[in-house]
Amino acid sequence: MQPIPRKLTTEQKAVLIQVLVAFPNQQVDVSYHPAASDARDYAQDFLTVFKVIGWKVSDGAPSESSNRKYSGLAFVVSERDSLPPSAEALRDALRVFGVEIATIADPAHSTPPGSFLLSVGPHA
């Protein structure tokens, strides 16, 4: 049986916008795993929210990632960085909707200080 495709509802997008607008000028990257049939569209939902609030999003579109060690939703930060307050707010807002998101410190991933990568992998 195929899992239900993940997506952000209009209500979820509105709540995320309300919460995240308090963190201007955030830099974020969004990636998705191509093996998950819904990952690109789900990643695009988040990217749309980030663009609406004026966050700096590299490439303007979610990037394809073949990294299989991230499943579900994950924040990826470099090993030296902690999760920025904007990502903590995003995590907390998603929990209200029953959506869990992992935090992964990846020494192979380099992000500018205070930024993060939102990775959309296959269903957890």
Protein backbone atom coordinates (compact mmCIF):
# COMPACT_ATOMS: atom_id res chain seq x y z
CA MET A 1 0.00 0.00 0.00
CA GLN A 2 1.35 3.40 -1.03
CA PRO A 3 1.75 5.94 1.82
CA ILE A 4 -0.36 9.09 1.74
CA PRO A 5 1.62 11.87 0.01
CA ARG A 6 2.98 14.43 2.45
CA LYS A 7 2.03 18.07 1.96
CA LEU A 8 1.51 21.23 3.93
CA THR A 9 -2.11 22.31 4.18
CA THR A 10 -3.13 25.93 3.71
CA GLU A 11 -3.61 26.19 7.49
CA GLN A 12 -0.15 24.76 8.18
CA LYS A 13 1.45 27.17 5.70
CA ALA A 14 -0.36 30.11 7.34
CA VAL A 15 0.82 29.09 10.82
CA LEU A 16 4.40 28.57 9.63
CA ILE A 17 4.40 32.00 7.98
CA GLN A 18 3.09 33.60 11.18
CA VAL A 19 5.75 31.89 13.31
CA LEU A 20 8.74 32.24 10.98
CA VAL A 21 8.27 35.85 9.88
CA ALA A 22 9.81 36.78 13.26
CA PHE A 23 13.18 35.53 11.93
CA PRO A 24 14.10 37.81 9.02
CA ASN A 25 17.00 37.24 6.66
CA GLN A 26 17.38 33.55 7.46
CA GLN A 27 19.42 31.53 4.98
CA VAL A 28 18.15 28.03 4.26
CA ASP A 29 18.63 25.28 1.69
CA VAL A 30 15.96 22.70 0.89
CA SER A 31 16.69 19.29 -0.58
CA TYR A 32 14.68 16.18 -1.34
CA HIS A 33 15.42 12.55 -2.06
CA PRO A 34 14.22 11.54 -5.56
CA ALA A 35 13.35 7.99 -4.46
CA ALA A 36 10.42 9.32 -2.42
CA SER A 37 7.59 10.07 -4.83
CA ASP A 38 6.19 12.91 -2.71
CA ALA A 39 9.48 14.43 -1.51
CA ARG A 40 9.91 17.06 -4.23
CA ASP A 41 6.40 18.48 -3.82
CA TYR A 42 6.70 18.44 -0.02
CA ALA A 43 10.06 20.22 -0.24
CA GLN A 44 8.49 22.76 -2.59
CA ASP A 45 5.76 23.47 0.01
CA PHE A 46 8.42 24.46 2.55
CA LEU A 47 10.35 26.46 -0.03
CA THR A 48 7.21 28.43 -0.87
CA VAL A 49 6.70 29.35 2.79
CA PHE A 50 10.36 30.38 3.11
CA LYS A 51 10.15 32.58 0.02
CA VAL A 52 6.92 34.25 1.17
CA ILE A 53 8.58 35.39 4.41
CA GLY A 54 11.66 36.61 2.57
CA TRP A 55 14.19 34.01 3.63
CA LYS A 56 17.27 33.61 1.46
CA VAL A 57 16.88 30.34 -0.37
CA SER A 58 19.73 29.18 -2.54
CA ASP A 59 18.91 28.07 -6.07
CA GLY A 60 15.25 29.11 -5.74
CA ALA A 61 14.15 25.48 -6.00
CA PRO A 62 14.63 22.38 -3.87
CA SER A 63 17.78 20.51 -4.82
CA GLU A 64 17.91 16.80 -5.45
CA SER A 65 19.91 14.85 -2.89
CA SER A 66 20.90 11.23 -3.14
CA ASN A 67 21.95 11.07 0.51
CA ARG A 68 20.03 8.09 1.89
CA LYS A 69 20.89 8.56 5.54
CA TYR A 70 18.16 11.17 6.05
CA SER A 71 14.62 9.83 6.18
CA GLY A 72 11.49 11.83 6.84
CA LEU A 73 12.17 15.49 7.61
CA ALA A 74 15.57 16.48 8.95
CA PHE A 75 17.48 19.63 9.74
CA VAL A 76 21.07 19.21 8.65
CA VAL A 77 23.73 21.44 10.17
CA SER A 78 27.46 21.22 10.09
CA GLU A 79 29.02 19.49 13.06
CA ARG A 80 30.23 22.76 14.57
CA ASP A 81 26.80 24.47 14.53
CA SER A 82 23.74 24.11 16.68
CA LEU A 83 20.23 24.54 15.38
CA PRO A 84 19.46 28.23 14.76
CA PRO A 85 16.44 29.75 16.59
CA SER A 86 14.48 29.94 13.33
CA ALA A 87 14.83 26.18 12.84
CA GLU A 88 13.82 25.55 16.45
CA ALA A 89 10.68 27.64 15.85
CA LEU A 90 9.94 25.67 12.67
CA ARG A 91 10.42 22.39 14.55
CA ASP A 92 8.10 23.48 17.35
CA ALA A 93 5.42 24.70 14.93
CA LEU A 94 5.52 21.41 13.01
CA ARG A 95 5.14 19.42 16.24
CA VAL A 96 1.80 21.15 16.83
CA PHE A 97 0.63 19.39 13.65
CA GLY A 98 2.15 16.06 14.70
CA VAL A 99 5.05 16.35 12.26
CA GLU A 100 8.40 15.31 13.70
CA ILE A 101 11.71 16.52 12.36
CA ALA A 102 15.16 15.19 13.23
CA THR A 103 18.33 17.21 13.69
CA ILE A 104 21.48 15.80 12.14
CA ALA A 105 24.98 17.16 12.60
CA ASP A 106 26.81 16.12 9.46
CA PRO A 107 30.56 16.82 9.27
CA ALA A 108 30.39 16.46 5.47
CA HIS A 109 27.80 19.23 5.19
CA SER A 110 28.99 22.79 5.37
CA THR A 111 26.46 25.52 6.00
CA PRO A 112 27.17 29.15 6.77
CA PRO A 113 26.85 29.91 10.49
CA GLY A 114 23.22 30.37 11.50
CA SER A 115 21.84 28.60 8.44
CA PHE A 116 20.53 25.09 7.91
CA LEU A 117 19.42 22.56 5.32
CA LEU A 118 15.90 21.16 5.43
CA SER A 119 16.07 17.66 3.99
CA VAL A 120 12.98 15.81 2.81
CA GLY A 121 13.73 12.13 2.62
CA PRO A 122 11.65 9.00 2.12
CA HIS A 123 8.88 8.36 4.65
CA ALA A 124 10.33 7.61 8.06
